[in-house]
Amino acid sequence: MKLLRYGPHGQEKPGLLDADGKIRDLSGVVADLDGAALGKDQLAKIASLDPSSLPLVSGTPRFGPCVGNPGKIVCIGLNYSDHAAETGAKPPPEPIVFMKATSALNGPNDVIRIPRKSVKTDWEIELGVVIGTHAKYVDEKDALSHVAGYCVANDVSEREFQAERAGQWTKGKSCDTFGPIGPYLVTADEVPDPQNLDMFLDVNGKRMQTGNTKTMIFSVAHIVHYVSQMFSLLPGDVIMTGTPPGVGLGMKPNPIYLKDGDEMHLGIAGMGEQTQRCAQDA
C-alpha cells in the first residue's frame, strides 16, 4: 500500500493511494498515520479494505509528511561507501547516529527555508525507514519485522552549522523545514529488498545524485538492530539511512550550495518523488 497524509499544514488527514493513482480518505478508519496506526494489525485492517469503498478526495491537495508526529527522527551519517569517499572520510566502523529535530519535519513538496546567516545549505536524498512496532535489543535477522514501511526523505543540511559551529551534527540538520518525507509511506510488503533501490536528486534540472541502496555500508536491518541496542525505536519513529554521492559539499573543485529560488527534485524507485523550492528566510 501507499499511504499518505494530505491537506493544509497542521490539518492533514490520512489517505491511501488507490490503483488508479487517486487519493482515498482514511479518516473514517484511522485518526492519523502516526505510530498508533502503523502496527501490524492496524495495517492489516487498512489492507483489507476495498479502496473504492473509501471517499474519493477531489482536486490536488497538498501532501503532508507521510508520518504524523514521529517521536524522533534518527539519522545515520556517512552510510554510503561512495559518499564517504567524496567527502574524504573513512568508512565508519559502526553506524554514525545523530538526531534531527521533529520540528524540521516538512511535506515532500513544501518550501525549504534557508536559515538566516546560512552559507552552506545542502541536499541529501535518503531512504526513510518508518518503525511499526517497538524495537529494543532486536536481532538483525528480526529487525525488518519491526518496519512498517519506507519513504523518500531529504536530509537537508546546513554544513557550516553542522561542522564549523562548535557542536554536533544535529544543529546543522534540524533547521525548520529540513526534513521533507513522503509523498507516500510505502508499506514493507511492497519493498521486498530495501537494499536494491535506485535513487536520484536534481538541482535546477541538473542531476546531482544517482545512487542505489546496495552501496550502503550498513543495511537497514543492521541499522534497526544497532540503534535498538542503545535506545528503543517506537512506532512512528523515522530513520534516515544516509545518502549516496553527489551532495553539494563534495563537488569538485568547489562545493555548491543551495540559494534562494533553487529547486530540488528527487525520488526513489517505487516510492514517489518530491519537488522543493528554496526560499531565504528574512
Protein backbone atom coordinates (compact mmCIF):
# COMPACT_ATOMS: atom_id res chain seq x y z
CA MET A 1 0.00 0.00 0.00
CA LYS A 2 0.91 3.61 -0.48
CA LEU A 3 -0.33 5.59 2.50
CA LEU A 4 -0.19 9.36 2.75
CA ARG A 5 -1.30 12.46 4.61
CA TYR A 6 -2.96 15.30 2.76
CA GLY A 7 -4.33 18.75 3.47
CA PRO A 8 -3.17 22.07 4.91
CA HIS A 9 -0.21 22.23 7.26
CA GLY A 10 -1.25 21.06 10.71
CA GLN A 11 -4.62 19.79 9.45
CA GLU A 12 -3.51 16.75 7.46
CA LYS A 13 -5.83 13.78 7.05
CA PRO A 14 -4.81 10.17 6.45
CA GLY A 15 -5.21 8.78 2.96
CA LEU A 16 -4.49 5.87 0.66
CA LEU A 17 -3.41 5.93 -2.97
CA ASP A 18 -5.62 3.58 -5.00
CA ALA A 19 -4.66 1.58 -8.08
CA ASP A 20 -5.67 4.47 -10.34
CA GLY A 21 -3.43 6.93 -8.52
CA LYS A 22 -6.34 8.64 -6.79
CA ILE A 23 -6.38 9.60 -3.13
CA ARG A 24 -8.91 7.88 -0.89
CA ASP A 25 -9.75 9.31 2.53
CA LEU A 26 -8.88 7.10 5.51
CA SER A 27 -10.04 9.43 8.27
CA GLY A 28 -13.05 7.22 8.95
CA VAL A 29 -10.70 4.31 9.63
CA VAL A 30 -7.74 5.85 11.46
CA ALA A 31 -7.33 9.26 13.07
CA ASP A 32 -3.90 9.82 11.55
CA LEU A 33 -0.98 7.96 10.03
CA ASP A 34 1.03 8.03 13.22
CA GLY A 35 2.52 5.40 15.49
CA ALA A 36 -0.90 4.20 16.65
CA ALA A 37 -1.89 3.34 13.05
CA LEU A 38 1.31 1.59 11.96
CA GLY A 39 1.27 -1.69 13.85
CA LYS A 40 0.78 -4.97 12.00
CA ASP A 41 -2.88 -5.35 12.99
CA GLN A 42 -3.74 -1.78 12.07
CA LEU A 43 -2.02 -2.02 8.68
CA ALA A 44 -3.71 -5.36 8.02
CA LYS A 45 -7.07 -3.71 8.71
CA ILE A 46 -6.34 -0.96 6.19
CA ALA A 47 -5.08 -3.51 3.64
CA SER A 48 -8.32 -5.48 3.94
CA LEU A 49 -10.41 -2.52 2.81
CA ASP A 50 -11.78 -2.10 -0.69
CA PRO A 51 -10.29 1.27 -1.71
CA SER A 52 -13.36 2.02 -3.83
CA SER A 53 -15.44 1.99 -0.64
CA LEU A 54 -13.44 4.93 0.74
CA PRO A 55 -14.36 8.56 -0.03
CA LEU A 56 -12.58 9.94 -3.08
CA VAL A 57 -10.53 13.08 -2.43
CA SER A 58 -11.10 15.69 -5.11
CA GLY A 59 -8.60 18.09 -6.59
CA THR A 60 -4.87 18.09 -5.97
CA PRO A 61 -4.38 18.62 -2.25
CA ARG A 62 -1.04 19.31 -0.61
CA PHE A 63 0.86 16.26 0.60
CA GLY A 64 1.96 16.49 4.21
CA PRO A 65 4.76 14.49 5.85
CA CYS A 66 3.79 10.85 5.35
CA VAL A 67 4.06 10.14 9.10
CA GLY A 68 2.29 12.20 11.71
CA ASN A 69 4.02 13.24 14.93
CA PRO A 70 7.02 10.91 14.95
CA GLY A 71 8.57 10.65 18.38
CA LYS A 72 12.05 11.01 16.93
CA ILE A 73 13.96 11.24 13.68
CA VAL A 74 17.14 9.19 13.82
CA CYS A 75 19.80 9.79 11.17
CA ILE A 76 22.76 7.72 10.01
CA GLY A 77 25.84 9.55 8.74
CA LEU A 78 28.36 8.53 6.08
CA ASN A 79 26.49 5.31 5.33
CA TYR A 80 27.33 5.02 1.63
CA SER A 81 30.86 3.98 0.72
CA ASP A 82 30.96 6.26 -2.32
CA HIS A 83 29.62 9.24 -0.35
CA ALA A 84 32.22 8.76 2.38
CA ALA A 85 34.90 8.76 -0.33
CA GLU A 86 33.69 12.02 -1.89
CA THR A 87 33.86 13.79 1.48
CA GLY A 88 37.35 12.43 2.19
CA ALA A 89 36.12 10.47 5.22
CA LYS A 90 36.99 6.89 6.10
CA PRO A 91 34.04 4.50 6.18
CA PRO A 92 32.94 4.32 9.82
CA PRO A 93 33.46 1.06 11.75
CA GLU A 94 29.98 1.43 13.29
CA PRO A 95 26.94 3.48 12.24
CA ILE A 96 27.24 7.20 12.98
CA VAL A 97 24.00 8.12 14.74
CA PHE A 98 22.61 11.61 15.22
CA MET A 99 19.17 13.17 15.58
CA LYS A 100 17.13 15.58 13.51
CA ALA A 101 14.58 17.64 15.45
CA THR A 102 10.98 16.64 14.76
CA SER A 103 10.22 20.36 14.23
CA ALA A 104 12.21 20.06 10.97
CA LEU A 105 9.51 17.79 9.51
CA ASN A 106 8.15 19.04 6.21
CA GLY A 107 5.84 17.99 3.42
CA PRO A 108 7.50 16.48 0.33
CA ASN A 109 6.73 19.48 -1.88
CA ASP A 110 6.81 22.25 0.71
CA VAL A 111 9.22 25.17 0.53
CA ILE A 112 12.66 24.70 2.09
CA ARG A 113 13.53 27.75 4.18
CA ILE A 114 17.23 28.63 4.02
CA PRO A 115 18.05 29.87 7.53
CA ARG A 116 19.35 33.32 8.37
CA LYS A 117 23.15 33.50 8.05
CA SER A 118 23.25 30.20 6.19
CA VAL A 119 26.02 29.92 3.63
CA LYS A 120 26.19 26.15 3.11
CA THR A 121 22.70 24.64 2.85
CA ASP A 122 22.96 21.27 1.10
CA TRP A 123 20.81 18.39 -0.16
CA GLU A 124 20.81 14.66 0.70
CA ILE A 125 18.36 12.17 -0.75
CA GLU A 126 17.84 9.28 1.66
CA LEU A 127 15.73 6.19 2.18
CA GLY A 128 13.45 6.80 5.14
CA VAL A 129 12.51 3.84 7.34
CA VAL A 130 9.33 4.05 9.42
CA ILE A 131 9.07 1.89 12.53
CA GLY A 132 5.82 -0.01 13.09
CA THR A 133 6.43 -1.98 16.29
CA HIS A 134 8.52 -1.33 19.39
CA ALA A 135 12.11 -2.40 18.77
CA LYS A 136 14.54 -2.91 21.65
CA TYR A 137 17.55 -5.24 21.63
CA VAL A 138 16.34 -6.82 18.38
CA ASP A 139 18.46 -9.33 16.46
CA GLU A 140 19.47 -8.30 12.96
CA LYS A 141 17.60 -11.26 11.47
CA ASP A 142 14.36 -9.99 13.04
CA ALA A 143 14.94 -6.28 12.52
CA LEU A 144 12.89 -5.77 9.34
CA SER A 145 9.82 -7.23 11.03
CA HIS A 146 9.69 -4.01 13.07
CA VAL A 147 9.49 -1.83 9.94
CA ALA A 148 6.07 -0.55 8.87
CA GLY A 149 7.31 0.93 5.60
CA TYR A 150 9.65 3.20 3.69
CA CYS A 151 9.62 6.65 2.16
CA VAL A 152 11.65 9.24 0.29
CA ALA A 153 13.48 11.64 2.60
CA ASN A 154 15.62 14.71 2.01
CA ASP A 155 18.06 15.21 4.88
CA VAL A 156 18.61 18.91 4.15
CA SER A 157 21.77 20.06 5.94
CA GLU A 158 23.49 23.34 6.74
CA ARG A 159 27.16 22.33 6.54
CA GLU A 160 28.62 25.32 8.39
CA PHE A 161 26.17 24.83 11.27
CA GLN A 162 26.89 21.09 11.14
CA ALA A 163 30.69 21.07 11.14
CA GLU A 164 32.06 24.54 11.85
CA ARG A 165 29.98 25.87 14.71
CA ALA A 166 31.50 24.03 17.70
CA GLY A 167 28.86 21.37 18.11
CA GLN A 168 27.44 18.10 16.95
CA TRP A 169 25.78 17.47 13.58
CA THR A 170 22.26 17.98 14.94
CA LYS A 171 22.42 21.78 14.77
CA GLY A 172 23.04 21.68 11.02
CA LYS A 173 20.34 19.09 10.39
CA SER A 174 17.43 20.41 12.43
CA CYS A 175 16.55 23.79 10.93
CA ASP A 176 12.85 24.32 10.26
CA THR A 177 11.70 22.59 7.02
CA PHE A 178 14.89 20.49 6.77
CA GLY A 179 13.03 17.16 6.99
CA PRO A 180 10.74 16.51 3.99
CA ILE A 181 9.36 12.95 3.98
CA GLY A 182 6.93 11.37 1.54
CA PRO A 183 4.84 11.68 -0.56
CA TYR A 184 3.98 8.13 0.44
CA LEU A 185 4.68 5.67 3.20
CA VAL A 186 5.13 2.51 1.13
CA THR A 187 4.35 -0.48 3.33
CA ALA A 188 7.10 -3.01 3.85
CA ASP A 189 5.30 -5.77 1.94
CA GLU A 190 5.83 -3.73 -1.25
CA VAL A 191 9.58 -3.40 -0.64
CA PRO A 192 10.94 -6.96 -0.54
CA ASP A 193 14.57 -5.76 -0.75
CA PRO A 194 15.34 -2.33 0.71
CA GLN A 195 18.97 -2.87 -0.33
CA ASN A 196 18.31 -2.55 -4.07
CA LEU A 197 16.51 0.75 -4.65
CA ASP A 198 17.57 3.32 -7.25
CA MET A 199 17.52 6.94 -6.13
CA PHE A 200 18.21 10.35 -7.67
CA LEU A 201 18.27 14.06 -6.88
CA ASP A 202 18.35 17.02 -9.30
CA VAL A 203 19.01 20.67 -8.54
CA ASN A 204 17.61 23.14 -11.08
CA GLY A 205 17.19 20.32 -13.57
CA LYS A 206 20.77 19.04 -13.28
CA ARG A 207 21.38 15.55 -11.96
CA MET A 208 23.46 15.74 -8.79
CA GLN A 209 22.89 12.41 -7.05
CA THR A 210 22.47 8.99 -8.61
CA GLY A 211 22.70 6.02 -6.29
CA ASN A 212 21.36 2.72 -5.11
CA THR A 213 20.82 1.49 -1.58
CA LYS A 214 23.03 -1.53 -2.35
CA THR A 215 26.08 0.67 -1.65
CA MET A 216 25.03 1.28 1.95
CA ILE A 217 27.80 0.37 4.37
CA PHE A 218 25.24 -0.71 6.98
CA SER A 219 21.98 -2.26 5.80
CA VAL A 220 18.53 -1.23 7.01
CA ALA A 221 18.34 -4.42 9.07
CA HIS A 222 21.69 -3.72 10.69
CA ILE A 223 20.76 -0.10 11.43
CA VAL A 224 17.49 -1.07 13.16
CA HIS A 225 19.32 -3.76 15.12
CA TYR A 226 22.21 -1.45 16.04
CA VAL A 227 20.14 1.51 17.15
CA SER A 228 17.81 -0.73 19.18
CA GLN A 229 20.75 -1.86 21.32
CA MET A 230 21.08 1.72 22.61
CA PHE A 231 17.53 3.05 22.79
CA SER A 232 14.05 1.93 21.90
CA LEU A 233 12.61 2.57 18.47
CA LEU A 234 8.90 3.29 18.81
CA PRO A 235 6.02 3.07 16.33
CA GLY A 236 6.08 6.13 14.09
CA ASP A 237 9.79 6.84 14.56
CA VAL A 238 11.64 7.66 11.34
CA ILE A 239 15.19 6.65 10.45
CA MET A 240 17.04 8.44 7.65
CA THR A 241 19.63 5.95 6.46
CA GLY A 242 22.32 8.03 4.74
CA THR A 243 22.90 9.48 1.28
CA PRO A 244 24.76 8.43 -1.89
CA PRO A 245 27.42 10.65 -3.52
CA GLY A 246 26.68 13.94 -5.22
CA VAL A 247 26.00 16.31 -2.34
CA GLY A 248 27.00 19.94 -2.73
CA LEU A 249 29.74 19.62 -0.13
CA GLY A 250 31.50 17.02 -2.24
CA MET A 251 31.53 18.93 -5.53
CA LYS A 252 34.99 19.43 -7.05
CA PRO A 253 36.82 21.74 -7.38
CA ASN A 254 34.37 23.91 -5.42
CA PRO A 255 31.36 22.95 -3.30
CA ILE A 256 27.92 24.09 -4.48
CA TYR A 257 25.20 25.09 -2.04
CA LEU A 258 21.52 25.94 -2.29
CA LYS A 259 20.35 29.51 -2.70
CA ASP A 260 17.09 31.40 -2.86
CA GLY A 261 14.98 30.21 -5.81
CA ASP A 262 16.76 26.89 -6.35
CA GLU A 263 14.60 23.83 -6.92
CA MET A 264 15.27 20.24 -5.89
CA HIS A 265 13.60 17.22 -7.48
CA LEU A 266 14.26 13.77 -6.01
CA GLY A 267 12.86 10.29 -5.84
CA ILE A 268 13.33 6.61 -5.07
CA ALA A 269 12.08 3.81 -7.31
CA GLY A 270 8.55 2.79 -6.33
CA MET A 271 8.23 5.43 -3.62
CA GLY A 272 7.29 8.57 -5.47
CA GLU A 273 9.07 11.88 -5.92
CA GLN A 274 9.49 15.22 -4.18
CA THR A 275 9.92 18.76 -5.53
CA GLN A 276 11.03 21.60 -3.26
CA ARG A 277 11.75 25.25 -3.93
CA CYS A 278 14.23 27.03 -1.68
CA ALA A 279 13.45 30.43 -0.17
CA GLN A 280 15.67 32.57 2.01
CA ASP A 281 14.33 33.28 5.49
CA ALA A 282 14.04 37.01 6.10
